[in-house]
Amino acid sequence: MRLKIIISISTILTLNLISNELHITIPTPPKPTEPIEINLKNGNEDISDRTIKFSKRYPPNYTPLEERISRDVDGREGVGDITNGRVSVNLVGGYLDVDEVKRRLEKADFKILALLPLDGNGTLQSIVFTDAILKRLASEPKRGFLATLRVVVDSRDRYISFINPIYISKAFLQDKFNMEMAERLLTKIRDSFPDLKNSVDRFKFQALSDYSFMKGMPKYQNMVEVANGKNLIQKAKSSSRVVFIEKIDDSSTIIGIKLSDMISQFPDKIGRKNGVALPYPLLIEGDRAYILDPKYYISINYPDLKMEQFMAIGTIPDAIVEESKSIFK
């Protein structure tokens, strides 16, 4: 007969009673826990790095803070560069006449597409230009709005103002943004116009790809289809409102629209330096024609726009849509 008795005192003992003989088995105790080693510095705990570590998962084309800060060389901000996470909207320089601006652009291998007066007496003029880099960046589907850059020449207030290629590239290309290409464009402009300075209005670089004027307002991807069907380019050529037509690649073409005088003079109300928004761009891809929603396009060119200023041009966005549609009728 075999009898097993378990008795708990302070230690668990297993008793086996076999043939009147008592065998006591003591369980093997667990190994002691290894002590935690603490790095000491001068007899005290080293607390030089107690930061919380997160996994490094970043959105597409994210520029780390260290890299953004490193762009600020010797405390001096590079014109057009990203500094402390922000980028200027425009690059502003001393006055040059239209012919001199065009000459310098052409010398830098830019192609001039249009010259458009933006006010009644011709003191504010917009020059539209492109090059191989811009067309390459704009060849991705729905990215054709980056096929051109603009500069305004203001003979009244005596300055010139470029849209910053890094700023507008990030806004329009989003996850397709290419810093190397954008910097090449910026370098070409800076080399040709060495006295340029950053505009006062700036915006957070990483927020540009998701920009809207306010919550619920249109973003880049909320384009407005203004026409569809065959022969859209031929129809556009017959319109007196079209000031340039430039082929991007085999499937896409960028067009510049001259808005009516009443509409095109809105920069006088909300800021002449940002008049680079005009002429209004229209993109044809295949059998469809698109414009950026005017509530997005105007505000991305005027990111410091106040609500009361936006309300002052409240009828302009709808009018732009209707005039864009009219060129195909």
Protein backbone atom coordinates (compact mmCIF):
# COMPACT_ATOMS: atom_id res chain seq x y z
CA MET A 1 0.00 0.00 0.00
CA ARG A 2 1.31 3.45 -1.03
CA LEU A 3 0.26 6.57 0.86
CA LYS A 4 1.19 10.17 -0.19
CA ILE A 5 0.90 12.87 2.49
CA ILE A 6 1.57 16.57 1.79
CA ILE A 7 2.24 18.70 4.85
CA SER A 8 2.69 22.49 4.68
CA ILE A 9 4.78 23.94 7.47
CA SER A 10 7.04 26.72 6.20
CA THR A 11 8.37 24.60 3.37
CA ILE A 12 6.51 22.10 1.16
CA LEU A 13 7.61 18.58 2.03
CA THR A 14 6.73 15.54 0.01
CA LEU A 15 6.35 12.42 2.10
CA ASN A 16 6.51 9.05 0.48
CA LEU A 17 5.68 6.18 2.73
CA ILE A 18 6.89 3.00 1.05
CA SER A 19 7.57 -0.22 2.93
CA ASN A 20 7.58 1.52 6.33
CA GLU A 21 10.40 3.77 5.16
CA LEU A 22 9.99 7.56 5.22
CA HIS A 23 11.68 9.50 2.41
CA ILE A 24 11.68 13.29 2.59
CA THR A 25 12.37 15.22 -0.66
CA ILE A 26 13.18 18.94 -0.41
CA PRO A 27 12.33 20.86 -3.63
CA THR A 28 15.16 22.67 -5.37
CA PRO A 29 14.89 26.38 -4.52
CA PRO A 30 14.64 28.84 -7.50
CA LYS A 31 17.74 30.71 -8.57
CA PRO A 32 18.06 34.15 -7.05
CA THR A 33 17.13 37.10 -9.31
CA GLU A 34 20.09 38.78 -10.95
CA PRO A 35 20.60 42.25 -9.47
CA ILE A 36 19.93 45.25 -11.74
CA GLU A 37 23.10 47.05 -12.67
CA ILE A 38 22.87 50.83 -12.39
CA ASN A 39 25.38 52.99 -14.17
CA LEU A 40 26.91 55.33 -11.67
CA LYS A 41 28.58 58.62 -12.30
CA ASN A 42 30.65 60.12 -9.51
CA GLY A 43 28.81 57.94 -7.01
CA ASN A 44 25.35 58.98 -8.22
CA GLU A 45 22.91 57.45 -10.67
CA ASP A 46 23.61 58.51 -14.27
CA ILE A 47 20.47 60.32 -15.39
CA SER A 48 22.00 61.96 -18.46
CA ASP A 49 19.53 60.20 -20.78
CA ARG A 50 16.13 59.40 -19.35
CA THR A 51 14.14 60.26 -22.49
CA ILE A 52 11.20 58.09 -23.44
CA LYS A 53 12.11 56.00 -26.46
CA PHE A 54 9.48 55.58 -29.20
CA SER A 55 9.61 53.48 -32.33
CA LYS A 56 10.78 55.53 -35.30
CA ARG A 57 7.74 55.44 -37.56
CA TYR A 58 7.39 58.61 -39.59
CA PRO A 59 4.98 59.75 -42.31
CA PRO A 60 6.24 59.77 -45.92
CA ASN A 61 8.95 62.37 -46.63
CA TYR A 62 9.12 63.38 -42.95
CA THR A 63 12.06 65.67 -42.25
CA PRO A 64 13.49 64.98 -38.75
CA LEU A 65 13.78 67.90 -36.37
CA GLU A 66 17.57 67.58 -36.24
CA GLU A 67 17.80 67.96 -40.01
CA ARG A 68 15.41 70.91 -40.04
CA ILE A 69 17.41 72.69 -37.32
CA SER A 70 20.70 71.91 -39.08
CA ARG A 71 19.54 74.04 -42.00
CA ASP A 72 20.00 77.11 -39.82
CA VAL A 73 23.72 77.72 -40.44
CA ASP A 74 25.49 79.83 -37.82
CA GLY A 75 22.13 81.17 -36.72
CA ARG A 76 21.45 82.70 -40.13
CA GLU A 77 18.41 81.46 -41.98
CA GLY A 78 18.97 80.44 -45.60
CA VAL A 79 16.58 82.20 -47.97
CA GLY A 80 13.73 79.83 -48.79
CA ASP A 81 15.04 77.03 -46.56
CA ILE A 82 13.21 75.27 -43.74
CA THR A 83 14.22 76.77 -40.40
CA ASN A 84 12.89 75.62 -37.04
CA GLY A 85 10.22 73.65 -38.87
CA ARG A 86 8.83 76.63 -40.81
CA VAL A 87 9.25 77.84 -44.38
CA SER A 88 8.61 81.22 -46.02
CA VAL A 89 5.76 81.48 -48.51
CA ASN A 90 7.46 83.99 -50.80
CA LEU A 91 10.95 85.18 -51.69
CA VAL A 92 10.97 88.98 -51.93
CA GLY A 93 13.60 91.17 -53.56
CA GLY A 94 14.29 94.73 -54.68
CA TYR A 95 12.56 96.03 -57.76
CA LEU A 96 13.63 94.87 -61.22
CA ASP A 97 11.63 95.64 -64.33
CA VAL A 98 9.79 92.91 -66.22
CA ASP A 99 12.38 92.63 -68.98
CA GLU A 100 15.23 92.14 -66.51
CA VAL A 101 13.32 89.49 -64.56
CA LYS A 102 12.53 87.61 -67.77
CA ARG A 103 16.17 87.88 -68.92
CA ARG A 104 17.51 86.39 -65.69
CA LEU A 105 14.95 83.59 -65.70
CA GLU A 106 15.77 82.63 -69.27
CA LYS A 107 19.50 82.72 -68.50
CA ALA A 108 18.79 80.19 -65.71
CA ASP A 109 17.12 77.90 -68.30
CA PHE A 110 13.56 78.68 -67.27
CA LYS A 111 10.96 78.96 -70.02
CA ILE A 112 8.64 82.00 -69.84
CA LEU A 113 5.02 80.96 -70.43
CA ALA A 114 3.04 84.13 -69.77
CA LEU A 115 3.13 87.74 -68.62
CA LEU A 116 -0.17 88.91 -67.16
CA PRO A 117 -1.14 92.31 -65.68
CA LEU A 118 -3.12 91.88 -62.46
CA ASP A 119 -4.40 95.43 -62.00
CA GLY A 120 -6.02 98.04 -64.16
CA ASN A 121 -2.95 100.25 -64.67
CA GLY A 122 -0.38 97.47 -65.09
CA THR A 123 1.68 98.20 -61.97
CA LEU A 124 1.40 94.57 -60.82
CA GLN A 125 2.37 91.89 -63.32
CA SER A 126 2.68 88.13 -62.96
CA ILE A 127 5.33 86.15 -64.87
CA VAL A 128 4.72 82.40 -65.23
CA PHE A 129 7.68 80.12 -65.97
CA THR A 130 8.62 76.44 -66.06
CA ASP A 131 11.57 74.10 -66.65
CA ALA A 132 12.43 70.41 -66.97
CA ILE A 133 12.58 69.90 -63.19
CA LEU A 134 9.08 71.28 -62.67
CA LYS A 135 7.65 69.14 -65.47
CA ARG A 136 9.32 66.05 -64.09
CA LEU A 137 7.84 66.67 -60.63
CA ALA A 138 4.43 67.48 -62.12
CA SER A 139 4.22 64.33 -64.24
CA GLU A 140 2.73 62.23 -61.43
CA PRO A 141 -1.09 61.83 -61.60
CA LYS A 142 -2.94 64.83 -60.11
CA ARG A 143 0.35 66.62 -59.42
CA GLY A 144 0.40 68.73 -62.58
CA PHE A 145 -0.33 71.99 -60.75
CA LEU A 146 3.37 72.18 -59.87
CA ALA A 147 4.33 72.44 -63.55
CA THR A 148 4.77 76.22 -63.21
CA LEU A 149 6.19 78.77 -60.79
CA ARG A 150 5.37 82.50 -60.68
CA VAL A 151 6.92 85.83 -59.78
CA VAL A 152 5.11 89.16 -59.49
CA VAL A 153 6.73 92.46 -60.43
CA ASP A 154 5.31 95.46 -58.57
CA SER A 155 6.38 98.78 -60.11
CA ARG A 156 4.21 100.76 -57.68
CA ASP A 157 5.64 99.43 -54.41
CA ARG A 158 9.02 98.57 -56.01
CA TYR A 159 9.67 94.89 -55.37
CA ILE A 160 9.55 91.44 -56.95
CA SER A 161 8.06 88.40 -55.19
CA PHE A 162 8.51 84.71 -56.06
CA ILE A 163 6.49 81.83 -54.71
CA ASN A 164 8.97 79.71 -52.70
CA PRO A 165 9.47 76.42 -54.61
CA ILE A 166 10.02 74.44 -51.39
CA TYR A 167 6.80 75.79 -49.90
CA ILE A 168 4.57 75.19 -52.92
CA SER A 169 6.23 71.84 -53.79
CA LYS A 170 5.41 70.42 -50.38
CA ALA A 171 1.82 71.65 -50.61
CA PHE A 172 1.17 70.32 -54.13
CA LEU A 173 3.28 67.13 -54.19
CA GLN A 174 2.50 65.92 -50.66
CA ASP A 175 3.74 62.29 -50.38
CA LYS A 176 5.56 62.71 -53.71
CA PHE A 177 7.58 65.65 -52.39
CA ASN A 178 11.23 65.55 -53.47
CA MET A 179 13.53 67.76 -51.39
CA GLU A 180 16.51 67.40 -53.72
CA MET A 181 14.52 68.62 -56.73
CA ALA A 182 12.85 71.42 -54.76
CA GLU A 183 16.24 72.66 -53.54
CA ARG A 184 17.58 72.64 -57.09
CA LEU A 185 14.75 74.94 -58.13
CA LEU A 186 15.36 77.18 -55.14
CA THR A 187 19.09 77.36 -55.90
CA LYS A 188 18.45 78.37 -59.52
CA ILE A 189 16.22 81.23 -58.38
CA ARG A 190 18.55 82.40 -55.59
CA ASP A 191 21.58 82.34 -57.88
CA SER A 192 19.75 84.44 -60.45
CA PHE A 193 18.30 86.89 -57.89
CA PRO A 194 20.89 87.05 -55.06
CA ASP A 195 19.22 89.81 -53.00
CA LEU A 196 16.03 87.83 -52.28
CA LYS A 197 14.83 87.60 -48.67
CA ASN A 198 12.19 85.53 -46.91
CA SER A 199 8.69 86.95 -46.71
CA VAL A 200 7.15 87.71 -43.33
CA ASP A 201 4.44 85.09 -43.81
CA ARG A 202 5.68 81.58 -43.09
CA PHE A 203 4.07 78.23 -42.45
CA LYS A 204 4.84 74.95 -40.69
CA PHE A 205 6.52 72.78 -43.32
CA GLN A 206 5.17 69.38 -42.26
CA ALA A 207 1.59 70.70 -42.14
CA LEU A 208 1.58 71.82 -45.78
CA SER A 209 0.63 68.45 -47.23
CA ASP A 210 -2.60 68.46 -45.21
CA TYR A 211 -3.33 72.18 -45.47
CA SER A 212 -6.78 73.73 -45.43
CA PHE A 213 -7.79 77.26 -44.49
CA MET A 214 -9.79 75.91 -41.55
CA LYS A 215 -11.42 72.67 -40.45
CA GLY A 216 -13.96 71.47 -42.97
CA MET A 217 -12.54 73.58 -45.82
CA PRO A 218 -11.13 72.04 -49.05
CA LYS A 219 -7.66 70.48 -49.21
CA TYR A 220 -5.39 69.91 -52.21
CA GLN A 221 -7.09 66.66 -53.20
CA ASN A 222 -10.55 68.27 -53.24
CA MET A 223 -10.17 69.40 -56.84
CA VAL A 224 -13.10 70.69 -58.87
CA GLU A 225 -13.79 69.00 -62.20
CA VAL A 226 -14.73 71.80 -64.61
CA ALA A 227 -15.02 69.80 -67.85
CA ASN A 228 -14.86 66.29 -69.32
CA GLY A 229 -14.92 64.84 -72.80
CA LYS A 230 -12.84 64.80 -75.95
CA ASN A 231 -10.74 67.62 -77.44
CA LEU A 232 -10.51 69.67 -74.24
CA ILE A 233 -7.24 71.28 -75.27
CA GLN A 234 -8.66 72.34 -78.62
CA LYS A 235 -11.66 73.88 -76.88
CA ALA A 236 -9.37 75.74 -74.47
CA LYS A 237 -7.31 77.14 -77.37
CA SER A 238 -10.40 78.85 -78.74
CA SER A 239 -11.00 80.77 -75.49
CA SER A 240 -9.68 84.32 -75.16
CA ARG A 241 -9.25 83.72 -71.41
CA VAL A 242 -6.43 81.19 -71.89
CA VAL A 243 -3.00 82.86 -71.64
CA PHE A 244 -0.79 79.76 -71.94
CA ILE A 245 -1.03 76.04 -72.67
CA GLU A 246 1.96 73.88 -71.76
CA LYS A 247 2.22 70.13 -72.23
CA ILE A 248 3.62 68.35 -69.16
CA ASP A 249 3.80 64.84 -70.61
CA ASP A 250 1.78 62.63 -72.95
CA SER A 251 -1.21 62.53 -70.61
CA SER A 252 -1.34 65.94 -68.94
CA THR A 253 -1.33 69.63 -69.84
CA ILE A 254 -1.31 72.76 -67.67
CA ILE A 255 -3.29 75.83 -68.71
CA GLY A 256 -3.32 79.39 -67.37
CA ILE A 257 -6.63 81.24 -67.21
CA LYS A 258 -7.00 84.99 -67.22
CA LEU A 259 -9.88 85.79 -64.90
CA SER A 260 -12.20 88.72 -65.49
CA ASP A 261 -10.94 92.12 -64.31
CA MET A 262 -13.28 92.26 -61.32
CA ILE A 263 -12.05 88.87 -60.05
CA SER A 264 -8.35 89.11 -60.94
CA GLN A 265 -7.88 92.27 -58.88
CA PHE A 266 -8.48 90.53 -55.54
CA PRO A 267 -4.72 90.72 -54.66
CA ASP A 268 -5.21 94.47 -54.19
CA LYS A 269 -7.61 93.61 -51.36
CA ILE A 270 -5.69 90.88 -49.58
CA GLY A 271 -2.02 91.27 -50.57
CA ARG A 272 -0.12 92.13 -53.75
CA LYS A 273 3.01 90.12 -52.87
CA ASN A 274 0.93 86.94 -53.07
CA GLY A 275 -0.44 87.78 -56.51
CA VAL A 276 1.61 84.82 -57.78
CA ALA A 277 -1.70 82.93 -57.49
CA LEU A 278 -2.65 84.28 -60.92
CA PRO A 279 -3.18 83.45 -63.75
CA TYR A 280 -5.38 80.64 -62.43
CA PRO A 281 -4.01 77.14 -63.19
CA LEU A 282 -6.12 74.44 -64.82
CA LEU A 283 -4.96 70.84 -65.31
CA ILE A 284 -6.11 68.54 -68.12
CA GLU A 285 -5.49 64.82 -67.60
CA GLY A 286 -6.91 62.59 -70.30
CA ASP A 287 -10.52 63.59 -70.90
CA ARG A 288 -11.00 65.56 -67.69
CA ALA A 289 -10.15 69.11 -66.64
CA TYR A 290 -9.58 70.14 -63.03
CA ILE A 291 -8.86 73.24 -60.99
CA LEU A 292 -7.80 73.37 -57.37
CA ASP A 293 -10.76 74.44 -55.27
CA PRO A 294 -10.41 78.26 -55.08
CA LYS A 295 -10.97 78.20 -51.32
CA TYR A 296 -7.86 76.03 -51.09
CA TYR A 297 -5.78 77.65 -53.83
CA ILE A 298 -6.26 81.23 -52.67
CA SER A 299 -5.59 80.39 -49.04
CA ILE A 300 -2.46 78.28 -49.76
CA ASN A 301 -1.04 81.36 -51.47
CA TYR A 302 -2.23 83.52 -48.54
CA PRO A 303 -1.72 81.30 -45.47
CA ASP A 304 -1.80 84.33 -43.12
CA LEU A 305 -5.19 85.38 -44.47
CA LYS A 306 -7.57 86.56 -41.75
CA MET A 307 -11.18 85.45 -41.68
CA GLU A 308 -12.41 88.99 -42.33
CA GLN A 309 -10.14 89.19 -45.41
CA PHE A 310 -11.45 85.88 -46.66
CA MET A 311 -15.00 87.11 -46.20
CA ALA A 312 -14.14 90.27 -48.16
CA ILE A 313 -13.60 88.12 -51.26
CA GLY A 314 -16.44 85.73 -50.42
CA THR A 315 -17.93 85.67 -53.94
CA ILE A 316 -14.59 85.17 -55.71
CA PRO A 317 -14.21 81.34 -55.29
CA ASP A 318 -17.56 80.51 -56.91
CA ALA A 319 -16.89 83.01 -59.70
CA ILE A 320 -13.52 81.37 -60.44
CA VAL A 321 -15.19 77.97 -60.82
CA GLU A 322 -17.76 79.36 -63.26
CA GLU A 323 -15.15 81.19 -65.34
CA SER A 324 -13.00 78.06 -65.47
CA LYS A 325 -15.94 76.08 -66.81
CA SER A 326 -16.73 78.75 -69.40
CA ILE A 327 -13.52 78.28 -71.38
CA PHE A 328 -14.77 74.89 -72.63
CA LYS A 329 -18.15 76.15 -73.83
